[in-house]
Amino acid sequence: MGRIWAIALNTFREAVRDRVLYGVVGFGALVQLFALALAELALDQQARVVRDVGLASVSLFSVIVAVFLGSSLLYKEIERKTLYVILPKPIRRDELLLGKYVGIVVTAAVFIGLMGSLQLLLQATVAGLPGFVTVLVIGGLGAALGGVAWRTGDPTLSLPLFSIVALGVGAAIATATGIDALPIVWALVLVVGEVVLLTAVAMFFSSFSTPFLTGAFTVGVWLLGRSADDMASMRSRVLPELLRTFLHGLAWVVPNFDLYVPSHRLLEGAIEGQEPAVIYVATSLGYGFAYAGVLLVASALVFRRRDFL
């Protein structure tokens, strides 16, 4: 277990120092700020626009992070020849694979926590929080992170805890302004579940393929998974019976990423006869962890047999 955590820590450090990731974080923040400007054009729907656009951007950019890191980090070890230095040591290939997976998931979870905190602060701003208070909170959190990084000498180690604290601060401020923050937090937890599953898909393809093909295959599986419910319930008479049967079967095989983008009313508990939000989130996460476990086992079996000579 210690070897896996060591690899995960190094993977996390490598990921957060990647300039591409900084670009994704910056662009994600800009999209959320754009949602705040876009809300001014909506009549009495400002909060809904900020929430929907913001959560959609968090989901989309976290998927980009998972696909980019999942398709590149393992291949970099092979391309840089560092894998030949690691494998002769008492580290099994499946430990290396699992360590990479955990590091990528933690990186994506930190991204989701930071973007979720910004989303909650913007929700509070729409609900009446003065803009200068929002700026002060963001500046204070940034200063706190800088102070911790200066004291520890390694800012990457403080990022996971910082993202949790920032999310808690955002939720507390949003609640104080009259926003029901719990459904938004549930939505963010589901995005983490989506990343857990999607990263496992990326690691499976990365265990035997190149970064480009891994990215293409992973995005294709994600798109199919986002359409799983539609394929399972398809009743169109325009399509041939054979094609409909194939789509119904495919819906049971591909991971159902549609589970991680439920309606906001479901997370609010506003749909009669629907299970409580906590039960829905727990079962969706359980499904994702179970499917990811199967994919990781398959990835380890393939990676063990791969010849790097």
C-alpha atoms as a PDB file:
ATOM      1  CA  MET A   1       0.000   0.000   0.000  1.00  0.00           C
ATOM      2  CA  GLY A   2       2.871   2.375   0.783  1.00  0.00           C
ATOM      3  CA  ARG A   3       4.295   1.915  -2.708  1.00  0.00           C
ATOM      4  CA  ILE A   4       0.922   2.718  -4.272  1.00  0.00           C
ATOM      5  CA  TRP A   5       0.598   5.920  -2.238  1.00  0.00           C
ATOM      6  CA  ALA A   6       4.143   6.943  -3.154  1.00  0.00           C
ATOM      7  CA  ILE A   7       3.376   6.538  -6.856  1.00  0.00           C
ATOM      8  CA  ALA A   8       0.036   8.336  -6.410  1.00  0.00           C
ATOM      9  CA  LEU A   9       1.778  11.263  -4.692  1.00  0.00           C
ATOM     10  CA  ASN A  10       4.369  11.566  -7.444  1.00  0.00           C
ATOM     11  CA  THR A  11       1.619  11.337 -10.069  1.00  0.00           C
ATOM     12  CA  PHE A  12      -0.340  14.082  -8.318  1.00  0.00           C
ATOM     13  CA  ARG A  13       2.737  16.295  -8.152  1.00  0.00           C
ATOM     14  CA  GLU A  14       3.473  15.728 -11.815  1.00  0.00           C
ATOM     15  CA  ALA A  15      -0.130  16.430 -12.808  1.00  0.00           C
ATOM     16  CA  VAL A  16      -0.552  19.694 -10.885  1.00  0.00           C
ATOM     17  CA  ARG A  17       2.660  21.048 -12.393  1.00  0.00           C
ATOM     18  CA  ASP A  18       1.423  20.479 -15.939  1.00  0.00           C
ATOM     19  CA  ARG A  19       0.767  23.769 -17.722  1.00  0.00           C
ATOM     20  CA  VAL A  20      -2.109  22.253 -19.653  1.00  0.00           C
ATOM     21  CA  LEU A  21      -3.925  21.663 -16.372  1.00  0.00           C
ATOM     22  CA  TYR A  22      -3.452  25.309 -15.407  1.00  0.00           C
ATOM     23  CA  GLY A  23      -5.033  26.256 -18.710  1.00  0.00           C
ATOM     24  CA  VAL A  24      -8.033  24.021 -18.042  1.00  0.00           C
ATOM     25  CA  VAL A  25      -8.456  25.517 -14.553  1.00  0.00           C
ATOM     26  CA  GLY A  26      -8.244  29.045 -15.906  1.00  0.00           C
ATOM     27  CA  PHE A  27     -10.661  28.387 -18.748  1.00  0.00           C
ATOM     28  CA  GLY A  28     -13.095  26.641 -16.393  1.00  0.00           C
ATOM     29  CA  ALA A  29     -13.060  29.659 -14.074  1.00  0.00           C
ATOM     30  CA  LEU A  30     -13.647  31.995 -17.023  1.00  0.00           C
ATOM     31  CA  VAL A  31     -16.664  29.959 -18.130  1.00  0.00           C
ATOM     32  CA  GLN A  32     -18.143  30.220 -14.639  1.00  0.00           C
ATOM     33  CA  LEU A  33     -17.583  33.975 -14.597  1.00  0.00           C
ATOM     34  CA  PHE A  34     -19.143  34.179 -18.060  1.00  0.00           C
ATOM     35  CA  ALA A  35     -22.202  32.396 -16.636  1.00  0.00           C
ATOM     36  CA  LEU A  36     -22.471  35.221 -14.103  1.00  0.00           C
ATOM     37  CA  ALA A  37     -22.550  37.751 -16.951  1.00  0.00           C
ATOM     38  CA  LEU A  38     -24.925  35.576 -18.984  1.00  0.00           C
ATOM     39  CA  ALA A  39     -27.334  35.452 -16.033  1.00  0.00           C
ATOM     40  CA  GLU A  40     -27.912  39.191 -16.373  1.00  0.00           C
ATOM     41  CA  LEU A  41     -29.726  38.500 -19.652  1.00  0.00           C
ATOM     42  CA  ALA A  42     -32.148  36.058 -18.019  1.00  0.00           C
ATOM     43  CA  LEU A  43     -35.357  37.331 -16.482  1.00  0.00           C
ATOM     44  CA  ASP A  44     -35.767  36.058 -12.904  1.00  0.00           C
ATOM     45  CA  GLN A  45     -33.615  33.012 -13.736  1.00  0.00           C
ATOM     46  CA  GLN A  46     -30.180  34.326 -12.819  1.00  0.00           C
ATOM     47  CA  ALA A  47     -29.523  31.737 -10.119  1.00  0.00           C
ATOM     48  CA  ARG A  48     -30.605  28.875 -12.361  1.00  0.00           C
ATOM     49  CA  VAL A  49     -28.387  30.023 -15.255  1.00  0.00           C
ATOM     50  CA  VAL A  50     -25.334  30.370 -13.019  1.00  0.00           C
ATOM     51  CA  ARG A  51     -26.003  26.976 -11.426  1.00  0.00           C
ATOM     52  CA  ASP A  52     -26.682  25.050 -14.636  1.00  0.00           C
ATOM     53  CA  VAL A  53     -23.860  26.568 -16.687  1.00  0.00           C
ATOM     54  CA  GLY A  54     -21.456  26.360 -13.766  1.00  0.00           C
ATOM     55  CA  LEU A  55     -22.133  22.708 -12.931  1.00  0.00           C
ATOM     56  CA  ALA A  56     -22.071  21.758 -16.610  1.00  0.00           C
ATOM     57  CA  SER A  57     -18.664  23.410 -16.979  1.00  0.00           C
ATOM     58  CA  VAL A  58     -17.339  21.628 -13.878  1.00  0.00           C
ATOM     59  CA  SER A  59     -18.495  18.294 -15.295  1.00  0.00           C
ATOM     60  CA  LEU A  60     -17.107  18.961 -18.778  1.00  0.00           C
ATOM     61  CA  PHE A  61     -13.704  20.232 -17.680  1.00  0.00           C
ATOM     62  CA  SER A  62     -13.277  17.476 -15.098  1.00  0.00           C
ATOM     63  CA  VAL A  63     -13.882  15.002 -17.929  1.00  0.00           C
ATOM     64  CA  ILE A  64     -11.197  16.780 -19.963  1.00  0.00           C
ATOM     65  CA  VAL A  65      -8.788  16.538 -17.013  1.00  0.00           C
ATOM     66  CA  ALA A  66      -9.492  12.823 -16.534  1.00  0.00           C
ATOM     67  CA  VAL A  67      -9.114  12.017 -20.238  1.00  0.00           C
ATOM     68  CA  PHE A  68      -5.965  14.108 -20.682  1.00  0.00           C
ATOM     69  CA  LEU A  69      -4.174  12.769 -17.606  1.00  0.00           C
ATOM     70  CA  GLY A  70      -5.433   9.211 -17.988  1.00  0.00           C
ATOM     71  CA  SER A  71      -4.252   8.986 -21.573  1.00  0.00           C
ATOM     72  CA  SER A  72      -0.841  10.637 -21.113  1.00  0.00           C
ATOM     73  CA  LEU A  73       0.740  10.029 -17.703  1.00  0.00           C
ATOM     74  CA  LEU A  74       1.267   6.280 -18.025  1.00  0.00           C
ATOM     75  CA  TYR A  75       2.564   6.651 -21.585  1.00  0.00           C
ATOM     76  CA  LYS A  76       5.038   9.318 -20.431  1.00  0.00           C
ATOM     77  CA  GLU A  77       6.671   6.747 -18.156  1.00  0.00           C
ATOM     78  CA  ILE A  78       7.258   4.555 -21.205  1.00  0.00           C
ATOM     79  CA  GLU A  79       8.307   7.373 -23.523  1.00  0.00           C
ATOM     80  CA  ARG A  80      10.811   8.844 -21.038  1.00  0.00           C
ATOM     81  CA  LYS A  81      12.213   5.359 -20.280  1.00  0.00           C
ATOM     82  CA  THR A  82      11.578   5.965 -16.550  1.00  0.00           C
ATOM     83  CA  LEU A  83       9.492   2.794 -16.508  1.00  0.00           C
ATOM     84  CA  TYR A  84      12.659   0.764 -17.025  1.00  0.00           C
ATOM     85  CA  VAL A  85      14.043   2.265 -13.810  1.00  0.00           C
ATOM     86  CA  ILE A  86      10.853   1.706 -11.793  1.00  0.00           C
ATOM     87  CA  LEU A  87       9.987  -1.879 -12.740  1.00  0.00           C
ATOM     88  CA  PRO A  88      13.273  -3.514 -11.632  1.00  0.00           C
ATOM     89  CA  LYS A  89      12.533  -2.190  -8.121  1.00  0.00           C
ATOM     90  CA  PRO A  90      10.167  -4.076  -5.779  1.00  0.00           C
ATOM     91  CA  ILE A  91       7.110  -2.497  -7.437  1.00  0.00           C
ATOM     92  CA  ARG A  92       4.642  -4.619  -9.342  1.00  0.00           C
ATOM     93  CA  ARG A  93       3.097  -3.377 -12.559  1.00  0.00           C
ATOM     94  CA  ASP A  94      -0.397  -3.396 -11.083  1.00  0.00           C
ATOM     95  CA  GLU A  95       0.839  -1.239  -8.181  1.00  0.00           C
ATOM     96  CA  LEU A  96       2.247   1.252 -10.670  1.00  0.00           C
ATOM     97  CA  LEU A  97      -1.045   1.282 -12.564  1.00  0.00           C
ATOM     98  CA  LEU A  98      -3.146   1.699  -9.422  1.00  0.00           C
ATOM     99  CA  GLY A  99      -0.855   4.428  -8.099  1.00  0.00           C
ATOM    100  CA  LYS A 100      -1.195   6.363 -11.346  1.00  0.00           C
ATOM    101  CA  TYR A 101      -4.965   5.921 -11.198  1.00  0.00           C
ATOM    102  CA  VAL A 102      -5.249   7.202  -7.628  1.00  0.00           C
ATOM    103  CA  GLY A 103      -3.035  10.210  -8.406  1.00  0.00           C
ATOM    104  CA  ILE A 104      -5.164  11.175 -11.400  1.00  0.00           C
ATOM    105  CA  VAL A 105      -8.433  10.799  -9.463  1.00  0.00           C
ATOM    106  CA  VAL A 106      -7.088  12.962  -6.625  1.00  0.00           C
ATOM    107  CA  THR A 107      -5.991  15.614  -9.124  1.00  0.00           C
ATOM    108  CA  ALA A 108      -9.430  15.690 -10.754  1.00  0.00           C
ATOM    109  CA  ALA A 109     -11.130  15.748  -7.331  1.00  0.00           C
ATOM    110  CA  VAL A 110      -9.042  18.780  -6.317  1.00  0.00           C
ATOM    111  CA  PHE A 111     -10.078  20.501  -9.550  1.00  0.00           C
ATOM    112  CA  ILE A 112     -13.746  19.723  -8.828  1.00  0.00           C
ATOM    113  CA  GLY A 113     -13.426  21.027  -5.265  1.00  0.00           C
ATOM    114  CA  LEU A 114     -11.901  24.325  -6.398  1.00  0.00           C
ATOM    115  CA  MET A 115     -14.394  24.844  -9.222  1.00  0.00           C
ATOM    116  CA  GLY A 116     -17.255  23.828  -6.911  1.00  0.00           C
ATOM    117  CA  SER A 117     -16.163  26.426  -4.371  1.00  0.00           C
ATOM    118  CA  LEU A 118     -16.178  29.110  -7.070  1.00  0.00           C
ATOM    119  CA  GLN A 119     -19.607  27.944  -8.212  1.00  0.00           C
ATOM    120  CA  LEU A 120     -21.046  28.262  -4.687  1.00  0.00           C
ATOM    121  CA  LEU A 121     -19.524  31.722  -4.244  1.00  0.00           C
ATOM    122  CA  LEU A 122     -21.032  32.859  -7.551  1.00  0.00           C
ATOM    123  CA  GLN A 123     -24.387  31.444  -6.465  1.00  0.00           C
ATOM    124  CA  ALA A 124     -24.107  33.480  -3.275  1.00  0.00           C
ATOM    125  CA  THR A 125     -23.234  36.574  -5.314  1.00  0.00           C
ATOM    126  CA  VAL A 126     -26.386  36.173  -7.391  1.00  0.00           C
ATOM    127  CA  ALA A 127     -28.372  35.731  -4.158  1.00  0.00           C
ATOM    128  CA  GLY A 128     -27.183  39.108  -2.867  1.00  0.00           C
ATOM    129  CA  LEU A 129     -23.651  38.687  -1.524  1.00  0.00           C
ATOM    130  CA  PRO A 130     -21.710  41.887  -2.349  1.00  0.00           C
ATOM    131  CA  GLY A 131     -19.175  41.381  -5.093  1.00  0.00           C
ATOM    132  CA  PHE A 132     -16.308  42.792  -3.053  1.00  0.00           C
ATOM    133  CA  VAL A 133     -16.978  40.172  -0.354  1.00  0.00           C
ATOM    134  CA  THR A 134     -16.698  37.432  -2.982  1.00  0.00           C
ATOM    135  CA  VAL A 135     -13.387  38.892  -4.158  1.00  0.00           C
ATOM    136  CA  LEU A 136     -12.153  39.125  -0.561  1.00  0.00           C
ATOM    137  CA  VAL A 137     -13.070  35.500   0.136  1.00  0.00           C
ATOM    138  CA  ILE A 138     -11.303  34.282  -3.013  1.00  0.00           C
ATOM    139  CA  GLY A 139      -8.297  36.441  -2.205  1.00  0.00           C
ATOM    140  CA  GLY A 140      -8.237  35.203   1.392  1.00  0.00           C
ATOM    141  CA  LEU A 141      -8.345  31.574   0.292  1.00  0.00           C
ATOM    142  CA  GLY A 142      -5.550  32.224  -2.172  1.00  0.00           C
ATOM    143  CA  ALA A 143      -3.462  33.942   0.500  1.00  0.00           C
ATOM    144  CA  ALA A 144      -4.083  31.041   2.887  1.00  0.00           C
ATOM    145  CA  LEU A 145      -2.913  28.561   0.255  1.00  0.00           C
ATOM    146  CA  GLY A 146       0.173  30.668  -0.417  1.00  0.00           C
ATOM    147  CA  GLY A 147       0.969  30.837   3.291  1.00  0.00           C
ATOM    148  CA  VAL A 148       0.636  27.085   3.760  1.00  0.00           C
ATOM    149  CA  ALA A 149       2.746  26.476   0.652  1.00  0.00           C
ATOM    150  CA  TRP A 150       5.427  28.822   1.964  1.00  0.00           C
ATOM    151  CA  ARG A 151       5.520  27.104   5.352  1.00  0.00           C
ATOM    152  CA  THR A 152       5.560  23.567   3.976  1.00  0.00           C
ATOM    153  CA  GLY A 153       7.759  24.255   0.944  1.00  0.00           C
ATOM    154  CA  ASP A 154       5.550  21.998  -1.216  1.00  0.00           C
ATOM    155  CA  PRO A 155       2.252  23.560  -2.321  1.00  0.00           C
ATOM    156  CA  THR A 156       1.066  20.361  -3.978  1.00  0.00           C
ATOM    157  CA  LEU A 157       0.692  18.575  -0.641  1.00  0.00           C
ATOM    158  CA  SER A 158      -1.691  21.237   0.677  1.00  0.00           C
ATOM    159  CA  LEU A 159      -3.945  21.325  -2.377  1.00  0.00           C
ATOM    160  CA  PRO A 160      -6.262  18.376  -1.522  1.00  0.00           C
ATOM    161  CA  LEU A 161      -7.019  19.715   1.972  1.00  0.00           C
ATOM    162  CA  PHE A 162      -7.265  23.260   0.626  1.00  0.00           C
ATOM    163  CA  SER A 163      -9.865  22.229  -1.970  1.00  0.00           C
ATOM    164  CA  ILE A 164     -12.013  20.632   0.767  1.00  0.00           C
ATOM    165  CA  VAL A 165     -11.723  23.729   2.976  1.00  0.00           C
ATOM    166  CA  ALA A 166     -12.520  26.016   0.032  1.00  0.00           C
ATOM    167  CA  LEU A 167     -15.591  23.937  -0.818  1.00  0.00           C
ATOM    168  CA  GLY A 168     -16.728  24.090   2.807  1.00  0.00           C
ATOM    169  CA  VAL A 169     -16.262  27.863   2.917  1.00  0.00           C
ATOM    170  CA  GLY A 170     -18.206  28.265  -0.319  1.00  0.00           C
ATOM    171  CA  ALA A 171     -21.044  26.060   0.964  1.00  0.00           C
ATOM    172  CA  ALA A 172     -21.201  27.961   4.266  1.00  0.00           C
ATOM    173  CA  ILE A 173     -21.345  31.356   2.538  1.00  0.00           C
ATOM    174  CA  ALA A 174     -23.953  30.144   0.041  1.00  0.00           C
ATOM    175  CA  THR A 175     -26.097  28.760   2.869  1.00  0.00           C
ATOM    176  CA  ALA A 176     -25.800  32.057   4.767  1.00  0.00           C
ATOM    177  CA  THR A 177     -27.236  33.892   1.740  1.00  0.00           C
ATOM    178  CA  GLY A 178     -30.266  31.588   1.567  1.00  0.00           C
ATOM    179  CA  ILE A 179     -28.982  29.125  -1.061  1.00  0.00           C
ATOM    180  CA  ASP A 180     -29.669  25.424  -0.600  1.00  0.00           C
ATOM    181  CA  ALA A 181     -26.073  24.285  -1.068  1.00  0.00           C
ATOM    182  CA  LEU A 182     -26.682  20.575  -0.482  1.00  0.00           C
ATOM    183  CA  PRO A 183     -28.015  19.743  -3.997  1.00  0.00           C
ATOM    184  CA  ILE A 184     -25.000  21.515  -5.500  1.00  0.00           C
ATOM    185  CA  VAL A 185     -22.652  19.535  -3.258  1.00  0.00           C
ATOM    186  CA  TRP A 186     -24.428  16.310  -4.291  1.00  0.00           C
ATOM    187  CA  ALA A 187     -23.943  17.278  -7.941  1.00  0.00           C
ATOM    188  CA  LEU A 188     -20.219  17.829  -7.330  1.00  0.00           C
ATOM    189  CA  VAL A 189     -19.925  14.456  -5.564  1.00  0.00           C
ATOM    190  CA  LEU A 190     -21.529  12.821  -8.605  1.00  0.00           C
ATOM    191  CA  VAL A 191     -18.969  14.539 -10.849  1.00  0.00           C
ATOM    192  CA  VAL A 192     -16.249  12.942  -8.705  1.00  0.00           C
ATOM    193  CA  GLY A 193     -17.969   9.584  -9.244  1.00  0.00           C
ATOM    194  CA  GLU A 194     -17.987  10.208 -12.974  1.00  0.00           C
ATOM    195  CA  VAL A 195     -14.261  10.975 -12.894  1.00  0.00           C
ATOM    196  CA  VAL A 196     -13.551   7.813 -10.874  1.00  0.00           C
ATOM    197  CA  LEU A 197     -15.223   5.713 -13.559  1.00  0.00           C
ATOM    198  CA  LEU A 198     -13.933   7.649 -16.572  1.00  0.00           C
ATOM    199  CA  THR A 199     -10.340   7.544 -15.329  1.00  0.00           C
ATOM    200  CA  ALA A 200     -10.612   3.760 -15.029  1.00  0.00           C
ATOM    201  CA  VAL A 201     -11.786   3.647 -18.647  1.00  0.00           C
ATOM    202  CA  ALA A 202      -8.801   5.795 -19.687  1.00  0.00           C
ATOM    203  CA  MET A 203      -6.369   3.624 -17.717  1.00  0.00           C
ATOM    204  CA  PHE A 204      -7.736   0.485 -19.374  1.00  0.00           C
ATOM    205  CA  PHE A 205      -7.080   1.825 -22.874  1.00  0.00           C
ATOM    206  CA  SER A 206      -3.793   3.400 -21.775  1.00  0.00           C
ATOM    207  CA  SER A 207      -2.522  -0.007 -20.624  1.00  0.00           C
ATOM    208  CA  PHE A 208      -2.150  -1.122 -24.244  1.00  0.00           C
ATOM    209  CA  SER A 209      -2.622   1.897 -26.529  1.00  0.00           C
ATOM    210  CA  THR A 210      -1.111   5.275 -27.458  1.00  0.00           C
ATOM    211  CA  PRO A 211      -2.276   8.584 -25.922  1.00  0.00           C
ATOM    212  CA  PHE A 212      -4.187   9.659 -29.027  1.00  0.00           C
ATOM    213  CA  LEU A 213      -6.093   6.400 -29.377  1.00  0.00           C
ATOM    214  CA  THR A 214      -6.637   6.228 -25.625  1.00  0.00           C
ATOM    215  CA  GLY A 215      -8.153   9.704 -25.632  1.00  0.00           C
ATOM    216  CA  ALA A 216     -10.332   8.917 -28.648  1.00  0.00           C
ATOM    217  CA  PHE A 217     -11.563   5.601 -27.216  1.00  0.00           C
ATOM    218  CA  THR A 218     -12.226   7.125 -23.796  1.00  0.00           C
ATOM    219  CA  VAL A 219     -14.199  10.052 -25.202  1.00  0.00           C
ATOM    220  CA  GLY A 220     -16.167   7.625 -27.386  1.00  0.00           C
ATOM    221  CA  VAL A 221     -17.058   5.464 -24.375  1.00  0.00           C
ATOM    222  CA  TRP A 222     -18.018   8.582 -22.421  1.00  0.00           C
ATOM    223  CA  LEU A 223     -20.327   9.794 -25.198  1.00  0.00           C
ATOM    224  CA  LEU A 224     -21.942   6.361 -25.433  1.00  0.00           C
ATOM    225  CA  GLY A 225     -22.313   6.261 -21.662  1.00  0.00           C
ATOM    226  CA  ARG A 226     -23.998   9.652 -21.630  1.00  0.00           C
ATOM    227  CA  SER A 227     -26.537   8.188 -24.082  1.00  0.00           C
ATOM    228  CA  ALA A 228     -26.997   4.869 -22.273  1.00  0.00           C
ATOM    229  CA  ASP A 229     -30.476   5.643 -20.948  1.00  0.00           C
ATOM    230  CA  ASP A 230     -31.643   6.825 -24.370  1.00  0.00           C
ATOM    231  CA  MET A 231     -30.278   3.676 -26.039  1.00  0.00           C
ATOM    232  CA  ALA A 232     -31.904   1.435 -23.430  1.00  0.00           C
ATOM    233  CA  SER A 233     -35.323   3.055 -23.865  1.00  0.00           C
ATOM    234  CA  MET A 234     -35.198   3.514 -27.646  1.00  0.00           C
ATOM    235  CA  ARG A 235     -38.488   2.495 -29.263  1.00  0.00           C
ATOM    236  CA  SER A 236     -38.195   4.160 -32.678  1.00  0.00           C
ATOM    237  CA  ARG A 237     -39.777   2.159 -35.515  1.00  0.00           C
ATOM    238  CA  VAL A 238     -37.582   3.983 -38.035  1.00  0.00           C
ATOM    239  CA  LEU A 239     -34.525   1.988 -36.973  1.00  0.00           C
ATOM    240  CA  PRO A 240     -34.235  -1.688 -37.942  1.00  0.00           C
ATOM    241  CA  GLU A 241     -35.046  -4.199 -35.222  1.00  0.00           C
ATOM    242  CA  LEU A 242     -31.495  -5.556 -35.318  1.00  0.00           C
ATOM    243  CA  LEU A 243     -30.014  -2.099 -34.709  1.00  0.00           C
ATOM    244  CA  ARG A 244     -32.404  -1.418 -31.836  1.00  0.00           C
ATOM    245  CA  THR A 245     -31.485  -4.731 -30.226  1.00  0.00           C
ATOM    246  CA  PHE A 246     -27.800  -3.898 -30.621  1.00  0.00           C
ATOM    247  CA  LEU A 247     -28.266  -0.465 -29.003  1.00  0.00           C
ATOM    248  CA  HIS A 248     -30.235  -1.972 -26.121  1.00  0.00           C
ATOM    249  CA  GLY A 249     -27.446  -4.491 -25.520  1.00  0.00           C
ATOM    250  CA  LEU A 250     -24.768  -1.802 -25.831  1.00  0.00           C
ATOM    251  CA  ALA A 251     -26.549   0.273 -23.186  1.00  0.00           C
ATOM    252  CA  TRP A 252     -26.028  -2.578 -20.699  1.00  0.00           C
ATOM    253  CA  VAL A 253     -22.337  -2.995 -21.571  1.00  0.00           C
ATOM    254  CA  VAL A 254     -20.981   0.567 -21.613  1.00  0.00           C
ATOM    255  CA  PRO A 255     -20.663   2.417 -18.296  1.00  0.00           C
ATOM    256  CA  ASN A 256     -23.759   4.509 -17.660  1.00  0.00           C
ATOM    257  CA  PHE A 257     -22.393   8.027 -17.288  1.00  0.00           C
ATOM    258  CA  ASP A 258     -25.943   9.347 -17.518  1.00  0.00           C
ATOM    259  CA  LEU A 259     -26.298   8.470 -13.821  1.00  0.00           C
ATOM    260  CA  TYR A 260     -23.979  11.330 -12.905  1.00  0.00           C
ATOM    261  CA  VAL A 261     -26.007  14.132 -14.506  1.00  0.00           C
ATOM    262  CA  PRO A 262     -29.458  13.828 -12.885  1.00  0.00           C
ATOM    263  CA  SER A 263     -31.943  16.675 -12.870  1.00  0.00           C
ATOM    264  CA  HIS A 264     -31.481  19.271 -10.151  1.00  0.00           C
ATOM    265  CA  ARG A 265     -35.021  18.596  -8.927  1.00  0.00           C
ATOM    266  CA  LEU A 266     -34.024  15.003  -8.158  1.00  0.00           C
ATOM    267  CA  LEU A 267     -31.111  16.207  -6.017  1.00  0.00           C
ATOM    268  CA  GLU A 268     -33.462  18.641  -4.278  1.00  0.00           C
ATOM    269  CA  GLY A 269     -35.853  15.782  -3.495  1.00  0.00           C
ATOM    270  CA  ALA A 270     -38.651  17.570  -5.351  1.00  0.00           C
ATOM    271  CA  ILE A 271     -39.749  14.569  -7.476  1.00  0.00           C
ATOM    272  CA  GLU A 272     -42.532  12.550  -5.875  1.00  0.00           C
ATOM    273  CA  GLY A 273     -41.910   8.823  -5.589  1.00  0.00           C
ATOM    274  CA  GLN A 274     -38.187   9.249  -6.241  1.00  0.00           C
ATOM    275  CA  GLU A 275     -35.625   7.859  -3.782  1.00  0.00           C
ATOM    276  CA  PRO A 276     -33.868  10.393  -1.509  1.00  0.00           C
ATOM    277  CA  ALA A 277     -30.896  12.195  -3.026  1.00  0.00           C
ATOM    278  CA  VAL A 278     -28.454  10.571  -0.612  1.00  0.00           C
ATOM    279  CA  ILE A 279     -29.601   7.100  -1.693  1.00  0.00           C
ATOM    280  CA  TYR A 280     -29.344   8.019  -5.375  1.00  0.00           C
ATOM    281  CA  VAL A 281     -25.837   9.442  -4.912  1.00  0.00           C
ATOM    282  CA  ALA A 282     -24.704   6.420  -2.872  1.00  0.00           C
ATOM    283  CA  THR A 283     -25.991   3.871  -5.402  1.00  0.00           C
ATOM    284  CA  SER A 284     -24.500   5.818  -8.336  1.00  0.00           C
ATOM    285  CA  LEU A 285     -21.134   5.982  -6.602  1.00  0.00           C
ATOM    286  CA  GLY A 286     -21.327   2.274  -5.749  1.00  0.00           C
ATOM    287  CA  TYR A 287     -22.017   1.466  -9.391  1.00  0.00           C
ATOM    288  CA  GLY A 288     -19.084   3.619 -10.501  1.00  0.00           C
ATOM    289  CA  PHE A 289     -16.629   2.134  -7.998  1.00  0.00           C
ATOM    290  CA  ALA A 290     -17.662  -1.427  -8.877  1.00  0.00           C
ATOM    291  CA  TYR A 291     -17.343  -0.826 -12.631  1.00  0.00           C
ATOM    292  CA  ALA A 292     -14.030   0.991 -12.122  1.00  0.00           C
ATOM    293  CA  GLY A 293     -12.748  -1.940 -10.076  1.00  0.00           C
ATOM    294  CA  VAL A 294     -13.509  -4.368 -12.902  1.00  0.00           C
ATOM    295  CA  LEU A 295     -11.767  -2.095 -15.407  1.00  0.00           C
ATOM    296  CA  LEU A 296      -8.702  -1.715 -13.196  1.00  0.00           C
ATOM    297  CA  VAL A 297      -8.398  -5.485 -12.797  1.00  0.00           C
ATOM    298  CA  ALA A 298      -8.619  -5.862 -16.575  1.00  0.00           C
ATOM    299  CA  SER A 299      -6.061  -3.074 -17.008  1.00  0.00           C
ATOM    300  CA  ALA A 300      -3.646  -4.778 -14.612  1.00  0.00           C
ATOM    301  CA  LEU A 301      -3.966  -8.090 -16.453  1.00  0.00           C
ATOM    302  CA  VAL A 302      -3.247  -6.429 -19.810  1.00  0.00           C
ATOM    303  CA  PHE A 303      -0.407  -4.292 -18.427  1.00  0.00           C
ATOM    304  CA  ARG A 304       1.279  -7.334 -16.886  1.00  0.00           C
ATOM    305  CA  ARG A 305       1.501  -8.997 -20.280  1.00  0.00           C
ATOM    306  CA  ARG A 306       2.714  -5.937 -22.145  1.00  0.00           C
ATOM    307  CA  ASP A 307       6.222  -6.188 -23.561  1.00  0.00           C
ATOM    308  CA  PHE A 308       8.244  -2.966 -23.305  1.00  0.00           C
ATOM    309  CA  LEU A 309      11.378  -4.236 -25.024  1.00  0.00           C
END
